[in-house]
Amino acid sequence: MPPSVIFDETYYVPDALGILKFGSEHNYSSHRNGLLARGDPHIFTRGGEFVAHPPFGKILIAAGE
């Protein structure tokens, strides 16, 4: 397991995980990087997220997850 979460992983991986869990991007904790680095998927808070990029790339990441 990598020791930290870097660059795009800090945004795209949680968004993809939100798509898997909720069907769309979802709000997540500001502590998500540490949680993900430990393998803890419990990163979400209430509500949907403001989405700046189209979802298709994140859907492909979700398929890999």
N, C-alpha and C. Protein backbone atom coordinates (compact mmCIF):
# COMPACT_ATOMS: atom_id res chain seq x y z
N MET A 1 0.85 -1.18 0.00
CA MET A 1 0.00 0.00 0.00
C MET A 1 0.90 1.24 0.00
N PRO A 2 0.58 2.24 -0.83
CA PRO A 2 1.38 3.46 -0.85
C PRO A 2 1.28 4.22 0.49
N PRO A 3 2.32 4.97 0.86
CA PRO A 3 2.33 5.66 2.13
C PRO A 3 1.46 6.92 2.18
N SER A 4 1.06 7.44 1.01
CA SER A 4 0.27 8.67 1.01
C SER A 4 -0.58 8.74 -0.26
N VAL A 5 -1.49 9.69 -0.28
CA VAL A 5 -2.33 9.96 -1.43
C VAL A 5 -1.77 11.22 -2.08
N ILE A 6 -1.60 11.22 -3.40
CA ILE A 6 -0.99 12.36 -4.07
C ILE A 6 -1.83 12.88 -5.23
N PHE A 7 -1.59 14.09 -5.61
CA PHE A 7 -2.10 14.81 -6.78
C PHE A 7 -3.56 14.50 -7.07
N ASP A 8 -3.87 13.90 -8.21
CA ASP A 8 -5.26 13.67 -8.61
C ASP A 8 -5.99 12.70 -7.70
N GLU A 9 -5.24 11.82 -7.03
CA GLU A 9 -5.89 10.84 -6.15
C GLU A 9 -6.71 11.52 -5.06
N THR A 10 -6.31 12.71 -4.67
CA THR A 10 -7.01 13.41 -3.59
C THR A 10 -8.41 13.85 -4.00
N TYR A 11 -8.67 13.95 -5.31
CA TYR A 11 -10.00 14.35 -5.78
C TYR A 11 -10.72 13.24 -6.53
N TYR A 12 -10.05 12.62 -7.49
CA TYR A 12 -10.73 11.68 -8.38
C TYR A 12 -11.06 10.35 -7.71
N VAL A 13 -10.20 9.84 -6.88
CA VAL A 13 -10.49 8.57 -6.20
C VAL A 13 -11.70 8.70 -5.27
N PRO A 14 -11.76 9.73 -4.40
CA PRO A 14 -12.97 9.88 -3.57
C PRO A 14 -14.24 10.10 -4.40
N ASP A 15 -14.14 10.86 -5.51
CA ASP A 15 -15.30 11.06 -6.36
C ASP A 15 -15.76 9.74 -6.97
N ALA A 16 -14.82 8.94 -7.43
CA ALA A 16 -15.16 7.63 -8.01
C ALA A 16 -15.78 6.72 -6.95
N LEU A 17 -15.24 6.75 -5.75
CA LEU A 17 -15.80 5.95 -4.66
C LEU A 17 -17.23 6.41 -4.33
N GLY A 18 -17.45 7.72 -4.37
CA GLY A 18 -18.80 8.26 -4.16
C GLY A 18 -19.77 7.79 -5.23
N ILE A 19 -19.30 7.73 -6.49
CA ILE A 19 -20.14 7.23 -7.58
C ILE A 19 -20.52 5.78 -7.32
N LEU A 20 -19.55 4.99 -6.86
CA LEU A 20 -19.85 3.58 -6.56
C LEU A 20 -20.86 3.44 -5.43
N LYS A 21 -20.70 4.25 -4.39
CA LYS A 21 -21.53 4.11 -3.20
C LYS A 21 -22.89 4.79 -3.32
N PHE A 22 -22.93 5.99 -3.93
CA PHE A 22 -24.16 6.80 -3.95
C PHE A 22 -24.76 7.01 -5.34
N GLY A 23 -24.02 6.67 -6.39
CA GLY A 23 -24.51 6.90 -7.75
C GLY A 23 -24.10 8.24 -8.32
N SER A 24 -23.47 9.09 -7.52
CA SER A 24 -22.96 10.38 -7.98
C SER A 24 -21.88 10.84 -7.00
N GLU A 25 -21.16 11.89 -7.38
CA GLU A 25 -20.14 12.43 -6.49
C GLU A 25 -20.78 12.89 -5.19
N HIS A 26 -20.07 12.75 -4.09
CA HIS A 26 -20.63 13.02 -2.77
C HIS A 26 -19.62 13.81 -1.93
N ASN A 27 -20.10 14.60 -0.99
CA ASN A 27 -19.19 15.31 -0.09
C ASN A 27 -18.35 14.33 0.72
N TYR A 28 -17.11 14.73 1.01
CA TYR A 28 -16.23 13.88 1.79
C TYR A 28 -15.46 14.69 2.82
N SER A 29 -14.92 14.01 3.79
CA SER A 29 -14.20 14.62 4.90
C SER A 29 -12.91 15.29 4.43
N SER A 30 -12.51 16.34 5.12
CA SER A 30 -11.23 16.97 4.81
C SER A 30 -10.06 16.08 5.20
N HIS A 31 -10.33 15.02 5.95
CA HIS A 31 -9.30 14.07 6.38
C HIS A 31 -9.27 12.83 5.48
N ARG A 32 -9.86 12.94 4.30
CA ARG A 32 -10.00 11.78 3.41
C ARG A 32 -8.66 11.17 3.00
N ASN A 33 -7.63 11.97 2.79
CA ASN A 33 -6.35 11.42 2.32
C ASN A 33 -5.76 10.43 3.32
N GLY A 34 -5.73 10.79 4.58
CA GLY A 34 -5.21 9.89 5.61
C GLY A 34 -6.04 8.63 5.73
N LEU A 35 -7.36 8.80 5.63
CA LEU A 35 -8.25 7.63 5.72
C LEU A 35 -8.02 6.69 4.54
N LEU A 36 -7.93 7.26 3.33
CA LEU A 36 -7.72 6.42 2.15
C LEU A 36 -6.35 5.74 2.19
N ALA A 37 -5.34 6.45 2.65
CA ALA A 37 -3.99 5.87 2.72
C ALA A 37 -3.96 4.66 3.67
N ARG A 38 -4.84 4.68 4.68
CA ARG A 38 -4.94 3.55 5.62
C ARG A 38 -5.89 2.47 5.12
N GLY A 39 -6.55 2.73 3.98
CA GLY A 39 -7.50 1.76 3.44
C GLY A 39 -8.89 1.88 4.02
N ASP A 40 -9.17 2.97 4.71
CA ASP A 40 -10.49 3.19 5.32
C ASP A 40 -11.40 3.92 4.33
N PRO A 41 -12.46 3.28 3.84
CA PRO A 41 -13.34 3.92 2.86
C PRO A 41 -14.42 4.83 3.47
N HIS A 42 -14.44 5.00 4.79
CA HIS A 42 -15.47 5.82 5.45
C HIS A 42 -15.06 7.29 5.43
N ILE A 43 -15.13 7.89 4.25
CA ILE A 43 -14.64 9.26 4.05
C ILE A 43 -15.76 10.26 3.83
N PHE A 44 -17.00 9.81 3.75
CA PHE A 44 -18.08 10.68 3.29
C PHE A 44 -18.82 11.40 4.41
N THR A 45 -19.26 12.63 4.08
CA THR A 45 -20.13 13.42 4.94
C THR A 45 -21.47 13.53 4.22
N ARG A 46 -22.36 14.35 4.72
CA ARG A 46 -23.70 14.47 4.12
C ARG A 46 -23.68 15.33 2.87
N GLY A 47 -24.51 14.97 1.91
CA GLY A 47 -24.79 15.82 0.76
C GLY A 47 -23.95 15.56 -0.47
N GLY A 48 -24.43 16.11 -1.58
CA GLY A 48 -23.72 16.00 -2.84
C GLY A 48 -22.58 17.00 -2.92
N GLU A 49 -21.69 16.74 -3.85
CA GLU A 49 -20.50 17.58 -4.01
C GLU A 49 -20.64 18.48 -5.22
N PHE A 50 -20.02 19.67 -5.18
CA PHE A 50 -19.90 20.51 -6.37
C PHE A 50 -18.95 19.80 -7.33
N VAL A 51 -19.39 19.56 -8.55
CA VAL A 51 -18.61 18.79 -9.52
C VAL A 51 -18.04 19.73 -10.57
N ALA A 52 -16.71 19.75 -10.68
CA ALA A 52 -16.04 20.64 -11.64
C ALA A 52 -15.70 19.93 -12.95
N HIS A 53 -15.69 18.61 -12.97
CA HIS A 53 -15.31 17.86 -14.17
C HIS A 53 -16.41 16.87 -14.53
N PRO A 54 -16.52 16.54 -15.82
CA PRO A 54 -17.50 15.52 -16.22
C PRO A 54 -17.21 14.18 -15.53
N PRO A 55 -18.23 13.36 -15.32
CA PRO A 55 -18.07 12.15 -14.52
C PRO A 55 -17.46 10.95 -15.23
N PHE A 56 -17.35 10.93 -16.57
CA PHE A 56 -16.96 9.70 -17.25
C PHE A 56 -15.61 9.16 -16.79
N GLY A 57 -14.61 10.00 -16.66
CA GLY A 57 -13.30 9.54 -16.18
C GLY A 57 -13.39 8.95 -14.79
N LYS A 58 -14.20 9.57 -13.93
CA LYS A 58 -14.37 9.05 -12.57
C LYS A 58 -15.15 7.74 -12.57
N ILE A 59 -16.05 7.57 -13.54
CA ILE A 59 -16.76 6.31 -13.66
C ILE A 59 -15.78 5.20 -14.06
N LEU A 60 -14.83 5.51 -14.94
CA LEU A 60 -13.81 4.53 -15.30
C LEU A 60 -12.93 4.17 -14.10
N ILE A 61 -12.58 5.16 -13.29
CA ILE A 61 -11.82 4.89 -12.06
C ILE A 61 -12.65 4.02 -11.13
N ALA A 62 -13.95 4.33 -11.02
CA ALA A 62 -14.85 3.54 -10.17
C ALA A 62 -14.88 2.08 -10.63
N ALA A 63 -14.87 1.87 -11.95
CA ALA A 63 -14.87 0.50 -12.47
C ALA A 63 -13.60 -0.24 -12.03
N GLY A 64 -12.50 0.48 -11.95
CA GLY A 64 -11.25 -0.12 -11.49
C GLY A 64 -11.24 -0.38 -9.99
N GLU A 65 -12.00 0.42 -9.24
CA GLU A 65 -12.08 0.23 -7.79
C GLU A 65 -12.91 -0.98 -7.49
